[in-house]
Amino acid sequence: MMDVKTLSGANELYHEGPHARQRRRGAPLSERARRVNGEYIAKARTLDHEHSRQADGTRYPGVREQVQGHLVGPVLAALRAWDLTGTRC
């Protein structure tokens, strides 16, 4: 699996928030990298809710219920099966 994220000087990460005021080079990139994993997990949980069914045929629980119950649906499980280099574990 591969995804490419592009940032430019026009991106809000360069102009808003504490990371924008840091003198450390690449701070906005580090902030974006920090956010990406959470966004992928949230999207996977949403897809599980929208498209997956439980063994009894009922719809997979909503995102909040998945988090509270520590549930891992099929989409999230597939996402977790990939390591950081993009190869299967």
N, C-alpha and C. Protein backbone atom coordinates (compact mmCIF):
# COMPACT_ATOMS: atom_id res chain seq x y z
N MET A 1 0.85 -1.16 0.00
CA MET A 1 0.00 0.00 0.00
C MET A 1 0.90 1.23 0.00
N MET A 2 0.50 2.23 -0.75
CA MET A 2 1.29 3.45 -0.81
C MET A 2 0.36 4.64 -0.91
N ASP A 3 0.73 5.70 -0.26
CA ASP A 3 -0.01 6.94 -0.34
C ASP A 3 1.00 8.07 -0.37
N VAL A 4 0.72 9.08 -1.15
CA VAL A 4 1.63 10.22 -1.26
C VAL A 4 0.90 11.45 -0.77
N LYS A 5 1.53 12.18 0.13
CA LYS A 5 0.98 13.43 0.64
C LYS A 5 1.89 14.55 0.17
N THR A 6 1.31 15.61 -0.34
CA THR A 6 2.08 16.75 -0.80
C THR A 6 1.73 17.97 0.03
N LEU A 7 2.74 18.64 0.52
CA LEU A 7 2.54 19.88 1.26
C LEU A 7 3.20 21.01 0.50
N SER A 8 2.59 22.16 0.54
CA SER A 8 3.21 23.33 -0.06
C SER A 8 3.19 24.46 0.96
N GLY A 9 3.87 25.54 0.64
CA GLY A 9 3.89 26.70 1.53
C GLY A 9 2.51 27.29 1.75
N ALA A 10 1.56 26.97 0.90
CA ALA A 10 0.20 27.49 1.05
C ALA A 10 -0.62 26.67 2.04
N ASN A 11 -0.10 25.52 2.46
CA ASN A 11 -0.83 24.64 3.37
C ASN A 11 -0.99 25.30 4.73
N GLU A 12 -2.15 25.07 5.37
CA GLU A 12 -2.44 25.69 6.66
C GLU A 12 -1.46 25.27 7.75
N LEU A 13 -0.80 24.11 7.58
CA LEU A 13 0.17 23.68 8.59
C LEU A 13 1.35 24.63 8.69
N TYR A 14 1.62 25.36 7.62
CA TYR A 14 2.73 26.30 7.64
C TYR A 14 2.34 27.63 8.28
N HIS A 15 1.04 27.86 8.45
CA HIS A 15 0.58 29.18 8.89
C HIS A 15 -0.21 29.17 10.19
N GLU A 16 -0.68 28.01 10.64
CA GLU A 16 -1.53 27.94 11.82
C GLU A 16 -0.97 26.97 12.84
N GLY A 17 -1.24 27.24 14.10
CA GLY A 17 -0.88 26.33 15.17
C GLY A 17 0.54 26.51 15.66
N PRO A 18 0.88 25.87 16.77
CA PRO A 18 2.20 26.05 17.37
C PRO A 18 3.35 25.57 16.48
N HIS A 19 3.10 24.53 15.68
CA HIS A 19 4.15 24.01 14.80
C HIS A 19 4.53 25.03 13.73
N ALA A 20 3.61 25.93 13.36
CA ALA A 20 3.91 26.95 12.34
C ALA A 20 4.88 27.99 12.88
N ARG A 21 4.88 28.18 14.19
CA ARG A 21 5.74 29.20 14.78
C ARG A 21 7.09 28.65 15.21
N GLN A 22 7.28 27.36 15.07
CA GLN A 22 8.56 26.78 15.46
C GLN A 22 9.64 27.15 14.46
N ARG A 23 10.82 27.31 14.98
CA ARG A 23 11.96 27.60 14.09
C ARG A 23 12.55 26.32 13.52
N ARG A 24 12.15 25.19 14.07
CA ARG A 24 12.68 23.91 13.62
C ARG A 24 12.21 23.64 12.19
N ARG A 25 13.15 23.42 11.32
CA ARG A 25 12.82 23.13 9.93
C ARG A 25 12.04 21.83 9.84
N GLY A 26 10.99 21.82 9.06
CA GLY A 26 10.20 20.62 8.86
C GLY A 26 9.13 20.37 9.92
N ALA A 27 8.95 21.31 10.85
CA ALA A 27 7.94 21.11 11.90
C ALA A 27 6.55 20.87 11.30
N PRO A 28 6.12 21.62 10.27
CA PRO A 28 4.81 21.33 9.69
C PRO A 28 4.72 19.94 9.08
N LEU A 29 5.81 19.46 8.50
CA LEU A 29 5.82 18.11 7.94
C LEU A 29 5.69 17.06 9.04
N SER A 30 6.37 17.28 10.14
CA SER A 30 6.26 16.35 11.26
C SER A 30 4.84 16.34 11.81
N GLU A 31 4.21 17.49 11.88
CA GLU A 31 2.83 17.57 12.36
C GLU A 31 1.89 16.82 11.42
N ARG A 32 2.08 16.99 10.12
CA ARG A 32 1.24 16.28 9.16
C ARG A 32 1.45 14.77 9.27
N ALA A 33 2.68 14.35 9.40
CA ALA A 33 2.98 12.92 9.54
C ALA A 33 2.31 12.36 10.80
N ARG A 34 2.27 13.15 11.86
CA ARG A 34 1.64 12.71 13.11
C ARG A 34 0.14 12.50 12.91
N ARG A 35 -0.49 13.35 12.10
CA ARG A 35 -1.93 13.28 11.89
C ARG A 35 -2.36 12.15 10.95
N VAL A 36 -1.53 11.78 10.01
CA VAL A 36 -1.92 10.86 8.94
C VAL A 36 -2.39 9.51 9.48
N ASN A 37 -1.65 8.90 10.41
CA ASN A 37 -2.02 7.58 10.91
C ASN A 37 -3.42 7.60 11.54
N GLY A 38 -3.71 8.61 12.33
CA GLY A 38 -5.03 8.72 12.94
C GLY A 38 -6.13 8.87 11.91
N GLU A 39 -5.83 9.60 10.84
CA GLU A 39 -6.82 9.77 9.77
C GLU A 39 -7.09 8.45 9.06
N TYR A 40 -6.05 7.67 8.84
CA TYR A 40 -6.23 6.35 8.21
C TYR A 40 -7.07 5.43 9.09
N ILE A 41 -6.78 5.43 10.37
CA ILE A 41 -7.53 4.58 11.30
C ILE A 41 -8.99 4.99 11.35
N ALA A 42 -9.24 6.29 11.42
CA ALA A 42 -10.63 6.78 11.46
C ALA A 42 -11.37 6.40 10.18
N LYS A 43 -10.72 6.53 9.04
CA LYS A 43 -11.35 6.18 7.77
C LYS A 43 -11.63 4.69 7.70
N ALA A 44 -10.69 3.86 8.17
CA ALA A 44 -10.89 2.41 8.17
C ALA A 44 -12.08 2.04 9.05
N ARG A 45 -12.19 2.65 10.21
CA ARG A 45 -13.30 2.36 11.10
C ARG A 45 -14.63 2.80 10.47
N THR A 46 -14.63 3.93 9.78
CA THR A 46 -15.84 4.39 9.10
C THR A 46 -16.24 3.41 8.00
N LEU A 47 -15.27 2.95 7.23
CA LEU A 47 -15.57 1.97 6.19
C LEU A 47 -16.07 0.66 6.77
N ASP A 48 -15.51 0.24 7.89
CA ASP A 48 -16.02 -0.96 8.56
C ASP A 48 -17.49 -0.78 8.93
N HIS A 49 -17.82 0.36 9.48
CA HIS A 49 -19.21 0.61 9.88
C HIS A 49 -20.15 0.64 8.66
N GLU A 50 -19.70 1.28 7.60
CA GLU A 50 -20.57 1.46 6.42
C GLU A 50 -20.73 0.20 5.58
N HIS A 51 -19.71 -0.66 5.55
CA HIS A 51 -19.72 -1.76 4.59
C HIS A 51 -19.59 -3.16 5.17
N SER A 52 -19.28 -3.27 6.45
CA SER A 52 -19.03 -4.60 7.03
C SER A 52 -20.24 -5.07 7.83
N ARG A 53 -20.36 -6.37 7.92
CA ARG A 53 -21.43 -7.00 8.71
C ARG A 53 -20.80 -7.93 9.74
N GLN A 54 -21.48 -8.06 10.85
CA GLN A 54 -21.05 -8.99 11.88
C GLN A 54 -21.52 -10.39 11.51
N ALA A 55 -21.08 -11.38 12.27
CA ALA A 55 -21.42 -12.78 11.97
C ALA A 55 -22.92 -13.01 11.91
N ASP A 56 -23.69 -12.27 12.72
CA ASP A 56 -25.14 -12.46 12.72
C ASP A 56 -25.85 -11.64 11.65
N GLY A 57 -25.07 -10.94 10.81
CA GLY A 57 -25.64 -10.16 9.71
C GLY A 57 -25.94 -8.72 10.04
N THR A 58 -25.81 -8.33 11.29
CA THR A 58 -26.07 -6.94 11.65
C THR A 58 -24.89 -6.06 11.24
N ARG A 59 -25.20 -4.80 11.09
CA ARG A 59 -24.18 -3.83 10.68
C ARG A 59 -23.08 -3.74 11.73
N TYR A 60 -21.84 -3.53 11.28
CA TYR A 60 -20.72 -3.38 12.19
C TYR A 60 -20.94 -2.11 13.01
N PRO A 61 -20.54 -2.09 14.30
CA PRO A 61 -20.79 -0.93 15.16
C PRO A 61 -20.18 0.36 14.61
N GLY A 62 -20.70 1.47 15.10
CA GLY A 62 -20.17 2.78 14.72
C GLY A 62 -18.77 3.00 15.24
N VAL A 63 -18.15 4.06 14.79
CA VAL A 63 -16.75 4.34 15.14
C VAL A 63 -16.56 4.43 16.66
N ARG A 64 -17.42 5.17 17.34
CA ARG A 64 -17.28 5.33 18.79
C ARG A 64 -17.36 3.98 19.51
N GLU A 65 -18.32 3.15 19.10
CA GLU A 65 -18.46 1.84 19.72
C GLU A 65 -17.26 0.94 19.43
N GLN A 66 -16.69 1.07 18.23
CA GLN A 66 -15.50 0.29 17.89
C GLN A 66 -14.34 0.67 18.80
N VAL A 67 -14.16 1.97 19.01
CA VAL A 67 -13.06 2.44 19.85
C VAL A 67 -13.28 1.99 21.29
N GLN A 68 -14.47 2.21 21.81
CA GLN A 68 -14.77 1.85 23.20
C GLN A 68 -14.65 0.35 23.44
N GLY A 69 -15.06 -0.45 22.47
CA GLY A 69 -15.01 -1.90 22.62
C GLY A 69 -13.73 -2.53 22.13
N HIS A 70 -12.77 -1.71 21.70
CA HIS A 70 -11.49 -2.21 21.18
C HIS A 70 -11.72 -3.20 20.04
N LEU A 71 -12.72 -2.90 19.19
CA LEU A 71 -13.05 -3.79 18.08
C LEU A 71 -12.17 -3.48 16.87
N VAL A 72 -11.84 -4.50 16.13
CA VAL A 72 -11.04 -4.36 14.92
C VAL A 72 -11.83 -5.02 13.79
N GLY A 73 -12.38 -4.20 12.91
CA GLY A 73 -13.13 -4.71 11.78
C GLY A 73 -12.21 -5.16 10.66
N PRO A 74 -12.78 -5.69 9.58
CA PRO A 74 -11.95 -6.21 8.50
C PRO A 74 -11.10 -5.15 7.78
N VAL A 75 -11.62 -3.94 7.63
CA VAL A 75 -10.84 -2.90 6.95
C VAL A 75 -9.68 -2.47 7.84
N LEU A 76 -9.96 -2.23 9.11
CA LEU A 76 -8.88 -1.85 10.03
C LEU A 76 -7.86 -2.97 10.16
N ALA A 77 -8.30 -4.21 10.19
CA ALA A 77 -7.37 -5.34 10.25
C ALA A 77 -6.46 -5.37 9.02
N ALA A 78 -7.03 -5.11 7.85
CA ALA A 78 -6.21 -5.08 6.63
C ALA A 78 -5.21 -3.94 6.68
N LEU A 79 -5.63 -2.78 7.18
CA LEU A 79 -4.72 -1.64 7.30
C LEU A 79 -3.57 -1.98 8.25
N ARG A 80 -3.89 -2.61 9.35
CA ARG A 80 -2.86 -2.96 10.33
C ARG A 80 -1.92 -4.06 9.82
N ALA A 81 -2.32 -4.79 8.80
CA ALA A 81 -1.48 -5.85 8.26
C ALA A 81 -0.31 -5.31 7.43
N TRP A 82 -0.32 -4.02 7.14
CA TRP A 82 0.76 -3.42 6.39
C TRP A 82 1.73 -2.77 7.34
N ASP A 83 3.02 -2.92 7.09
CA ASP A 83 4.00 -2.26 7.93
C ASP A 83 4.35 -0.89 7.34
N LEU A 84 5.25 -0.16 7.97
CA LEU A 84 5.56 1.20 7.56
C LEU A 84 6.28 1.30 6.23
N THR A 85 6.87 0.22 5.75
CA THR A 85 7.59 0.27 4.48
C THR A 85 6.67 -0.03 3.30
N GLY A 86 5.41 -0.37 3.61
CA GLY A 86 4.47 -0.66 2.53
C GLY A 86 4.46 -2.10 2.08
N THR A 87 5.12 -2.96 2.83
CA THR A 87 5.11 -4.38 2.49
C THR A 87 4.28 -5.11 3.53
N ARG A 88 3.75 -6.25 3.16
CA ARG A 88 2.92 -7.00 4.10
C ARG A 88 3.77 -7.57 5.23
N CYS A 89 3.17 -7.58 6.42
CA CYS A 89 3.85 -8.17 7.60
C CYS A 89 3.76 -9.67 7.56
